[in-house]
């Protein structure tokens, strides 16, 4: 392989490494958010709590798990008799380089049934 071929290979590998370094933390943060939602399923008497209490509980768990950039407006809590539906719908935009950005959209949902 020639020198130009090696430069091309290094450029492609470097691009994907940079992409992984930019997008990897976004997915790790989403994994933490999913864990927070799933932890609500083990919470006793969660369906008896108010929306404000549930939202406060979620935000507290987010801070404990190191999720600081989460917008509480992305959180939607719907209560009905014996059922609480918590859904999170948000997007994250990160700059790759120059004027090229990466936008990743996530949507998570959990339904909590009274015990």
Protein backbone atom coordinates (compact mmCIF):
# COMPACT_ATOMS: atom_id res chain seq x y z
CA UNK A 1 0.00 0.00 0.00
CA UNK A 2 1.28 3.47 -0.84
CA UNK A 3 1.66 6.44 1.48
CA UNK A 4 -1.54 8.02 0.15
CA UNK A 5 -3.41 4.78 0.77
CA UNK A 6 -2.18 4.70 4.38
CA UNK A 7 -3.22 8.34 4.86
CA UNK A 8 -6.69 7.55 3.54
CA UNK A 9 -7.02 4.56 5.89
CA UNK A 10 -5.82 6.65 8.84
CA UNK A 11 -8.29 9.40 7.94
CA UNK A 12 -11.23 6.96 7.85
CA UNK A 13 -10.18 5.29 11.11
CA UNK A 14 -9.67 8.70 12.75
CA UNK A 15 -13.10 9.85 11.63
CA UNK A 16 -14.82 6.84 13.18
CA UNK A 17 -12.81 7.15 16.40
CA UNK A 18 -13.83 10.81 16.66
CA UNK A 19 -17.45 9.87 15.97
CA UNK A 20 -17.31 7.25 18.74
CA UNK A 21 -15.78 9.74 21.18
CA UNK A 22 -18.55 12.26 20.47
CA UNK A 23 -21.54 9.88 20.40
CA UNK A 24 -20.44 7.34 23.02
CA UNK A 25 -21.09 9.60 26.05
CA UNK A 26 -24.54 10.46 24.67
CA UNK A 27 -25.54 6.80 24.62
CA UNK A 28 -24.04 6.21 28.08
CA UNK A 29 -26.14 9.09 29.42
CA UNK A 30 -29.24 7.59 27.78
CA UNK A 31 -28.41 4.26 29.42
CA UNK A 32 -28.42 6.04 32.80
CA UNK A 33 -31.76 7.66 32.01
CA UNK A 34 -33.23 4.26 31.10
CA UNK A 35 -31.92 2.91 34.40
CA UNK A 36 -33.65 5.71 36.30
CA UNK A 37 -36.95 4.94 34.58
CA UNK A 38 -36.62 1.20 35.21
CA UNK A 39 -35.81 1.83 38.88
CA UNK A 40 -39.26 3.42 39.28
CA UNK A 41 -40.83 -0.01 38.76
CA UNK A 42 -39.47 -1.19 42.10
CA UNK A 43 -40.62 1.91 43.99
CA UNK A 44 -43.42 1.00 46.43
CA UNK A 45 -46.73 2.86 46.08
CA UNK A 46 -45.46 4.95 43.15
CA UNK A 47 -48.96 5.23 41.69
CA UNK A 48 -50.17 7.02 44.82
CA UNK A 49 -47.59 9.80 44.53
CA UNK A 50 -48.36 13.09 42.82
CA UNK A 51 -46.80 14.11 39.51
CA UNK A 52 -44.60 16.65 41.31
CA UNK A 53 -43.30 13.99 43.72
CA UNK A 54 -42.57 11.57 40.88
CA UNK A 55 -40.83 14.28 38.85
CA UNK A 56 -38.74 15.28 41.88
CA UNK A 57 -37.81 11.65 42.48
CA UNK A 58 -36.74 11.24 38.85
CA UNK A 59 -34.68 14.44 38.81
CA UNK A 60 -32.96 13.47 42.07
CA UNK A 61 -32.04 10.06 40.64
CA UNK A 62 -30.77 11.73 37.46
CA UNK A 63 -28.41 13.94 39.49
CA UNK A 64 -27.22 10.91 41.47
CA UNK A 65 -26.44 9.09 38.20
CA UNK A 66 -24.53 12.07 36.81
CA UNK A 67 -27.11 13.27 34.29
CA UNK A 68 -26.92 17.05 34.65
CA UNK A 69 -27.90 18.35 31.20
CA UNK A 70 -31.38 16.80 31.16
CA UNK A 71 -34.23 19.24 30.53
CA UNK A 72 -37.17 18.49 32.86
CA UNK A 73 -39.54 19.71 30.13
CA UNK A 74 -38.75 16.50 28.22
CA UNK A 75 -40.38 14.50 31.00
CA UNK A 76 -44.08 13.63 30.65
CA UNK A 77 -46.06 11.97 33.44
CA UNK A 78 -49.62 10.76 32.82
CA UNK A 79 -51.65 9.43 35.73
CA UNK A 80 -54.76 7.32 35.49
CA UNK A 81 -56.38 5.10 38.16
CA UNK A 82 -53.85 2.40 39.07
CA UNK A 83 -51.43 3.35 36.27
CA UNK A 84 -48.70 5.95 35.86
CA UNK A 85 -47.00 6.38 32.49
CA UNK A 86 -43.65 8.16 32.50
CA UNK A 87 -42.15 9.03 29.14
CA UNK A 88 -39.04 10.93 28.16
CA UNK A 89 -38.58 12.28 24.64
CA UNK A 90 -35.44 14.32 23.98
CA UNK A 91 -32.72 15.10 21.47
CA UNK A 92 -29.03 15.77 21.98
CA UNK A 93 -26.97 17.84 19.55
CA UNK A 94 -23.17 17.74 19.61
CA UNK A 95 -20.71 19.50 17.36
CA UNK A 96 -18.40 17.18 15.44
CA UNK A 97 -16.10 19.76 13.89
CA UNK A 98 -16.49 23.08 12.09
CA UNK A 99 -20.17 23.38 11.12
CA UNK A 100 -21.00 19.66 11.21
CA UNK A 101 -23.25 18.53 14.06
CA UNK A 102 -24.61 15.17 15.20
CA UNK A 103 -28.21 15.02 16.43
CA UNK A 104 -29.38 11.95 18.36
CA UNK A 105 -33.03 11.48 19.37
CA UNK A 106 -34.19 9.26 22.23
CA UNK A 107 -37.64 8.22 23.41
CA UNK A 108 -38.07 6.13 26.56
CA UNK A 109 -41.29 5.06 28.28
CA UNK A 110 -42.28 3.05 31.35
CA UNK A 111 -45.71 2.11 32.65
CA UNK A 112 -46.05 1.71 36.39
CA UNK A 113 -48.93 -0.38 37.69
CA UNK A 114 -50.14 -0.23 41.28
CA UNK A 115 -49.23 -3.21 43.42
